[in-house]
Amino acid sequence: ADVETAAKIVGFPAVLKPVSGVASVGVKKVESIAELRTAYLDRDREFRSLVISSGAIVKDDGSQGTTVGADNVIGARFLLEHYLDGDEVDIDVVMSEGEWQYAAVSDNGPTLEPYFNETWAVSPSLLPRQKQVELKEGNPHLPSQIQVCELAINAVKAPPFALGFEDGIFHVECKYTTNCGPQLIE
C-alpha cells in the first residue's frame, strides 16, 4: 500500500531493498514507478517462497524437511532509498570505551546493477588520500556533512537506536558520491 507514496517521496532512480537480509539478496535499482511495482511484487513473492533450512536461506522445493518460513525470520518488508552514485567503500571502525580508535577505508569494485552484486574489494584503499580522509572524518568544506565515523558511533550509542555499543569493531558501508561527497549506506 505504501509503494506509490514511497515513490513520490524518494523519486527515481531509487533502490528497493529488504529491511532485513544479507549479501544484497532482494536489492534492486528501479528507474520508474512501473519498475518499482514489478520489482516489489517479484521480491515479495520471492521472499515468501524462501525457507530457512539448516541455517541457510533456500528456495522451498519441499525436500528440505523441517523448515521455517524465511519471511517469519527476515521479514518480507522493504524500503525505498535514494540511489547514490559513486565509489562504494567500507570503513571499518574500532571503538573502545565509546570512542573510535582506528578507522580504515577499503574499496569495493563497481557493483553489478541493478542487483548490486559485489565484484571485488581492495585494502588499503586506492582512493586519493583526501577522499579517504573525508570518508573517515567528513569534509570540512561541506558544512552539512556529517562525519561518517561520528555518524556510525552515534548510531550505535544514541537514541533512537540506543544499542549501547561502546566497544567493538563496526563495518560501515558508504559511497563517495559525485555531488554530496561521502554518504552512509549502512
C-alpha atoms as a PDB file:
ATOM      1  CA  ALA A   1       0.000   0.000   0.000  1.00  0.00           C
ATOM      2  CA  ASP A   2       2.979   2.342   0.501  1.00  0.00           C
ATOM      3  CA  VAL A   3       4.630   1.865  -2.903  1.00  0.00           C
ATOM      4  CA  GLU A   4       3.077   4.951  -4.533  1.00  0.00           C
ATOM      5  CA  THR A   5       3.786   7.192  -1.521  1.00  0.00           C
ATOM      6  CA  ALA A   6       7.377   5.952  -1.249  1.00  0.00           C
ATOM      7  CA  ALA A   7       7.943   6.629  -4.954  1.00  0.00           C
ATOM      8  CA  LYS A   8       6.649  10.204  -4.601  1.00  0.00           C
ATOM      9  CA  ILE A   9       8.874  10.894  -1.598  1.00  0.00           C
ATOM     10  CA  VAL A  10      12.069   9.193  -2.817  1.00  0.00           C
ATOM     11  CA  GLY A  11      11.885   9.741  -6.572  1.00  0.00           C
ATOM     12  CA  PHE A  12      13.904   7.906  -9.229  1.00  0.00           C
ATOM     13  CA  PRO A  13      16.335   6.345  -9.691  1.00  0.00           C
ATOM     14  CA  ALA A  14      15.859   4.527  -6.387  1.00  0.00           C
ATOM     15  CA  VAL A  15      16.894   1.328  -4.643  1.00  0.00           C
ATOM     16  CA  LEU A  16      14.352  -1.166  -3.317  1.00  0.00           C
ATOM     17  CA  LYS A  17      15.797  -3.304  -0.554  1.00  0.00           C
ATOM     18  CA  PRO A  18      14.570  -5.642   2.151  1.00  0.00           C
ATOM     19  CA  VAL A  19      14.621  -4.292   5.709  1.00  0.00           C
ATOM     20  CA  SER A  20      16.451  -7.465   6.795  1.00  0.00           C
ATOM     21  CA  GLY A  21      18.849  -9.528   4.764  1.00  0.00           C
ATOM     22  CA  VAL A  22      22.408 -10.145   3.642  1.00  0.00           C
ATOM     23  CA  ALA A  23      24.575 -10.084   0.520  1.00  0.00           C
ATOM     24  CA  SER A  24      22.262  -7.785  -1.454  1.00  0.00           C
ATOM     25  CA  VAL A  25      19.587 -10.503  -1.686  1.00  0.00           C
ATOM     26  CA  GLY A  26      16.388  -8.830  -2.833  1.00  0.00           C
ATOM     27  CA  VAL A  27      18.031  -5.474  -3.624  1.00  0.00           C
ATOM     28  CA  LYS A  28      17.237  -3.838  -6.964  1.00  0.00           C
ATOM     29  CA  LYS A  29      17.687  -0.453  -8.599  1.00  0.00           C
ATOM     30  CA  VAL A  30      14.471   0.871 -10.134  1.00  0.00           C
ATOM     31  CA  GLU A  31      14.088   3.703 -12.640  1.00  0.00           C
ATOM     32  CA  SER A  32      10.310   4.238 -12.710  1.00  0.00           C
ATOM     33  CA  ILE A  33       7.064   3.605 -10.861  1.00  0.00           C
ATOM     34  CA  ALA A  34       6.295   0.705 -13.223  1.00  0.00           C
ATOM     35  CA  GLU A  35       9.685  -0.921 -12.459  1.00  0.00           C
ATOM     36  CA  LEU A  36       9.137  -0.321  -8.741  1.00  0.00           C
ATOM     37  CA  ARG A  37       5.727  -2.023  -8.743  1.00  0.00           C
ATOM     38  CA  THR A  38       7.082  -5.036 -10.631  1.00  0.00           C
ATOM     39  CA  ALA A  39      10.249  -5.283  -8.513  1.00  0.00           C
ATOM     40  CA  TYR A  40       8.279  -5.041  -5.279  1.00  0.00           C
ATOM     41  CA  LEU A  41       5.804  -7.771  -6.295  1.00  0.00           C
ATOM     42  CA  ASP A  42       8.646 -10.026  -7.550  1.00  0.00           C
ATOM     43  CA  ARG A  43      10.688  -9.579  -4.375  1.00  0.00           C
ATOM     44  CA  ASP A  44       7.710 -10.005  -2.072  1.00  0.00           C
ATOM     45  CA  ARG A  45       6.775 -13.249  -3.858  1.00  0.00           C
ATOM     46  CA  GLU A  46      10.427 -14.415  -3.801  1.00  0.00           C
ATOM     47  CA  PHE A  47      10.871 -13.739  -0.067  1.00  0.00           C
ATOM     48  CA  ARG A  48       7.635 -15.531   0.769  1.00  0.00           C
ATOM     49  CA  SER A  49       8.883 -18.620  -1.143  1.00  0.00           C
ATOM     50  CA  LEU A  50      12.136 -18.903   0.850  1.00  0.00           C
ATOM     51  CA  VAL A  51      12.704 -21.072   3.909  1.00  0.00           C
ATOM     52  CA  ILE A  52      15.491 -21.478   6.433  1.00  0.00           C
ATOM     53  CA  SER A  53      16.879 -24.989   6.405  1.00  0.00           C
ATOM     54  CA  SER A  54      19.950 -25.909   8.486  1.00  0.00           C
ATOM     55  CA  GLY A  55      20.700 -22.205   8.902  1.00  0.00           C
ATOM     56  CA  ALA A  56      20.682 -21.426   5.159  1.00  0.00           C
ATOM     57  CA  ILE A  57      18.086 -19.416   3.253  1.00  0.00           C
ATOM     58  CA  VAL A  58      16.930 -21.594   0.355  1.00  0.00           C
ATOM     59  CA  LYS A  59      14.070 -21.895  -2.133  1.00  0.00           C
ATOM     60  CA  ASP A  60      11.336 -24.151  -0.735  1.00  0.00           C
ATOM     61  CA  ASP A  61      11.127 -27.156  -3.045  1.00  0.00           C
ATOM     62  CA  GLY A  62       9.668 -29.472  -0.385  1.00  0.00           C
ATOM     63  CA  SER A  63      12.831 -31.573   0.009  1.00  0.00           C
ATOM     64  CA  GLN A  64      14.309 -29.719   2.999  1.00  0.00           C
ATOM     65  CA  GLY A  65      12.310 -31.477   5.722  1.00  0.00           C
ATOM     66  CA  THR A  66      11.603 -29.261   8.719  1.00  0.00           C
ATOM     67  CA  THR A  67      11.981 -25.611   7.794  1.00  0.00           C
ATOM     68  CA  VAL A  68      10.958 -22.158   8.957  1.00  0.00           C
ATOM     69  CA  GLY A  69       9.490 -19.637   6.517  1.00  0.00           C
ATOM     70  CA  ALA A  70      12.238 -17.095   5.864  1.00  0.00           C
ATOM     71  CA  ASP A  71       9.684 -14.276   5.842  1.00  0.00           C
ATOM     72  CA  ASN A  72       8.977 -15.134   9.507  1.00  0.00           C
ATOM     73  CA  VAL A  73      12.659 -14.571  10.348  1.00  0.00           C
ATOM     74  CA  ILE A  74      13.987 -11.909   7.995  1.00  0.00           C
ATOM     75  CA  GLY A  75      10.616 -10.455   7.087  1.00  0.00           C
ATOM     76  CA  ALA A  76       9.195  -9.540   3.736  1.00  0.00           C
ATOM     77  CA  ARG A  77       9.244  -5.797   4.425  1.00  0.00           C
ATOM     78  CA  PHE A  78      11.037  -3.452   2.057  1.00  0.00           C
ATOM     79  CA  LEU A  79      12.213   0.126   1.968  1.00  0.00           C
ATOM     80  CA  LEU A  80      12.915   2.503  -0.875  1.00  0.00           C
ATOM     81  CA  GLU A  81      16.064   4.626  -0.788  1.00  0.00           C
ATOM     82  CA  HIS A  82      17.542   7.333  -2.991  1.00  0.00           C
ATOM     83  CA  TYR A  83      20.046   5.887  -5.444  1.00  0.00           C
ATOM     84  CA  LEU A  84      23.588   7.015  -4.664  1.00  0.00           C
ATOM     85  CA  ASP A  85      26.159   7.111  -7.447  1.00  0.00           C
ATOM     86  CA  GLY A  86      29.917   6.978  -6.953  1.00  0.00           C
ATOM     87  CA  ASP A  87      32.640   4.799  -5.474  1.00  0.00           C
ATOM     88  CA  GLU A  88      31.494   2.320  -2.824  1.00  0.00           C
ATOM     89  CA  VAL A  89      33.755   1.859   0.162  1.00  0.00           C
ATOM     90  CA  ASP A  90      33.795   0.125   3.513  1.00  0.00           C
ATOM     91  CA  ILE A  91      35.050   1.844   6.644  1.00  0.00           C
ATOM     92  CA  ASP A  92      35.993  -0.464   9.467  1.00  0.00           C
ATOM     93  CA  VAL A  93      35.957   1.348  12.786  1.00  0.00           C
ATOM     94  CA  VAL A  94      37.422   0.110  16.065  1.00  0.00           C
ATOM     95  CA  MET A  95      35.768   1.586  19.146  1.00  0.00           C
ATOM     96  CA  SER A  96      36.984   1.449  22.741  1.00  0.00           C
ATOM     97  CA  GLU A  97      35.096   2.939  25.687  1.00  0.00           C
ATOM     98  CA  GLY A  98      32.744   4.771  23.323  1.00  0.00           C
ATOM     99  CA  GLU A  99      35.485   6.477  21.289  1.00  0.00           C
ATOM    100  CA  TRP A 100      36.799   5.477  17.879  1.00  0.00           C
ATOM    101  CA  GLN A 101      40.440   4.472  17.963  1.00  0.00           C
ATOM    102  CA  TYR A 102      41.035   3.421  14.377  1.00  0.00           C
ATOM    103  CA  ALA A 103      39.325   3.641  11.000  1.00  0.00           C
ATOM    104  CA  ALA A 104      40.436   2.148   7.696  1.00  0.00           C
ATOM    105  CA  VAL A 105      38.902   2.581   4.251  1.00  0.00           C
ATOM    106  CA  SER A 106      38.763  -0.274   1.738  1.00  0.00           C
ATOM    107  CA  ASP A 107      37.352  -0.013  -1.774  1.00  0.00           C
ATOM    108  CA  ASN A 108      34.582  -2.108  -3.297  1.00  0.00           C
ATOM    109  CA  GLY A 109      34.573  -2.681  -7.017  1.00  0.00           C
ATOM    110  CA  PRO A 110      31.631  -1.406  -9.012  1.00  0.00           C
ATOM    111  CA  THR A 111      28.535  -3.399  -8.143  1.00  0.00           C
ATOM    112  CA  LEU A 112      26.652  -5.161 -10.885  1.00  0.00           C
ATOM    113  CA  GLU A 113      23.440  -3.210 -11.234  1.00  0.00           C
ATOM    114  CA  PRO A 114      20.524  -3.404 -10.991  1.00  0.00           C
ATOM    115  CA  TYR A 115      21.063  -6.006  -8.221  1.00  0.00           C
ATOM    116  CA  PHE A 116      24.186  -4.541  -6.561  1.00  0.00           C
ATOM    117  CA  ASN A 117      26.188  -7.775  -6.567  1.00  0.00           C
ATOM    118  CA  GLU A 118      29.717  -7.096  -5.326  1.00  0.00           C
ATOM    119  CA  THR A 119      32.595  -7.686  -7.736  1.00  0.00           C
ATOM    120  CA  TRP A 120      35.825  -7.190  -5.761  1.00  0.00           C
ATOM    121  CA  ALA A 121      37.402  -5.365  -2.824  1.00  0.00           C
ATOM    122  CA  VAL A 122      40.808  -3.805  -2.224  1.00  0.00           C
ATOM    123  CA  SER A 123      42.535  -2.848   1.008  1.00  0.00           C
ATOM    124  CA  PRO A 124      44.096  -0.453   1.653  1.00  0.00           C
ATOM    125  CA  SER A 125      42.002   1.931  -0.404  1.00  0.00           C
ATOM    126  CA  LEU A 126      43.210   3.158  -3.769  1.00  0.00           C
ATOM    127  CA  LEU A 127      41.175   6.377  -3.460  1.00  0.00           C
ATOM    128  CA  PRO A 128      43.160   9.627  -3.271  1.00  0.00           C
ATOM    129  CA  ARG A 129      44.246  10.448   0.291  1.00  0.00           C
ATOM    130  CA  GLN A 130      41.867  13.452   0.535  1.00  0.00           C
ATOM    131  CA  LYS A 131      38.821  11.286  -0.271  1.00  0.00           C
ATOM    132  CA  GLN A 132      39.883   8.735   2.346  1.00  0.00           C
ATOM    133  CA  VAL A 133      40.235  11.475   4.969  1.00  0.00           C
ATOM    134  CA  GLU A 134      36.764  12.821   4.083  1.00  0.00           C
ATOM    135  CA  LEU A 135      35.286   9.330   4.370  1.00  0.00           C
ATOM    136  CA  LYS A 136      36.804   8.896   7.840  1.00  0.00           C
ATOM    137  CA  GLU A 137      36.422  12.415   9.193  1.00  0.00           C
ATOM    138  CA  GLY A 138      33.934  14.275   6.998  1.00  0.00           C
ATOM    139  CA  ASN A 139      34.554  17.130   4.590  1.00  0.00           C
ATOM    140  CA  PRO A 140      35.188  20.463   6.339  1.00  0.00           C
ATOM    141  CA  HIS A 141      34.159  22.276   3.131  1.00  0.00           C
ATOM    142  CA  LEU A 142      30.675  20.763   3.306  1.00  0.00           C
ATOM    143  CA  PRO A 143      29.139  22.343   6.424  1.00  0.00           C
ATOM    144  CA  SER A 144      26.167  19.977   6.475  1.00  0.00           C
ATOM    145  CA  GLN A 145      28.387  16.930   6.033  1.00  0.00           C
ATOM    146  CA  ILE A 146      28.059  14.595   8.993  1.00  0.00           C
ATOM    147  CA  GLN A 147      31.324  12.934   9.820  1.00  0.00           C
ATOM    148  CA  VAL A 148      30.976   9.303   8.808  1.00  0.00           C
ATOM    149  CA  CYS A 149      32.733   7.869  11.863  1.00  0.00           C
ATOM    150  CA  GLU A 150      30.783  10.179  14.150  1.00  0.00           C
ATOM    151  CA  LEU A 151      27.572   9.061  12.439  1.00  0.00           C
ATOM    152  CA  ALA A 152      28.483   5.388  12.929  1.00  0.00           C
ATOM    153  CA  ILE A 153      29.371   5.914  16.587  1.00  0.00           C
ATOM    154  CA  ASN A 154      26.208   7.928  17.277  1.00  0.00           C
ATOM    155  CA  ALA A 155      24.064   5.333  15.517  1.00  0.00           C
ATOM    156  CA  VAL A 156      25.135   2.644  17.968  1.00  0.00           C
ATOM    157  CA  LYS A 157      25.264   4.840  21.103  1.00  0.00           C
ATOM    158  CA  ALA A 158      22.405   7.326  20.967  1.00  0.00           C
ATOM    159  CA  PRO A 159      18.595   7.331  20.755  1.00  0.00           C
ATOM    160  CA  PRO A 160      16.565   6.353  18.824  1.00  0.00           C
ATOM    161  CA  PHE A 161      18.888   3.374  18.356  1.00  0.00           C
ATOM    162  CA  ALA A 162      20.201   3.108  21.949  1.00  0.00           C
ATOM    163  CA  LEU A 163      22.046  -0.113  21.198  1.00  0.00           C
ATOM    164  CA  GLY A 164      24.637   0.736  23.821  1.00  0.00           C
ATOM    165  CA  PHE A 165      27.719  -0.406  21.920  1.00  0.00           C
ATOM    166  CA  GLU A 166      30.857   1.217  23.264  1.00  0.00           C
ATOM    167  CA  ASP A 167      33.481  -1.360  22.349  1.00  0.00           C
ATOM    168  CA  GLY A 168      33.917  -3.401  19.222  1.00  0.00           C
ATOM    169  CA  ILE A 169      34.572  -3.421  15.525  1.00  0.00           C
ATOM    170  CA  PHE A 170      31.990  -1.886  13.210  1.00  0.00           C
ATOM    171  CA  HIS A 171      31.669  -2.228   9.457  1.00  0.00           C
ATOM    172  CA  VAL A 172      30.252   0.930   7.854  1.00  0.00           C
ATOM    173  CA  GLU A 173      29.357   0.983   4.155  1.00  0.00           C
ATOM    174  CA  CYS A 174      29.423   4.292   2.252  1.00  0.00           C
ATOM    175  CA  LYS A 175      29.506   5.757  -1.215  1.00  0.00           C
ATOM    176  CA  TYR A 176      31.642   8.704  -2.215  1.00  0.00           C
ATOM    177  CA  THR A 177      29.002  10.425  -4.338  1.00  0.00           C
ATOM    178  CA  THR A 178      29.552  12.828  -7.198  1.00  0.00           C
ATOM    179  CA  ASN A 179      27.572  15.744  -5.757  1.00  0.00           C
ATOM    180  CA  CYS A 180      27.393  15.213  -1.991  1.00  0.00           C
ATOM    181  CA  GLY A 181      30.691  13.581  -1.015  1.00  0.00           C
ATOM    182  CA  PRO A 182      30.617  10.674   1.455  1.00  0.00           C
ATOM    183  CA  GLN A 183      27.174   9.223   2.178  1.00  0.00           C
ATOM    184  CA  LEU A 184      26.259   6.418   4.562  1.00  0.00           C
ATOM    185  CA  ILE A 185      24.646   3.310   3.042  1.00  0.00           C
ATOM    186  CA  GLU A 186      24.555   1.068   6.121  1.00  0.00           C
END
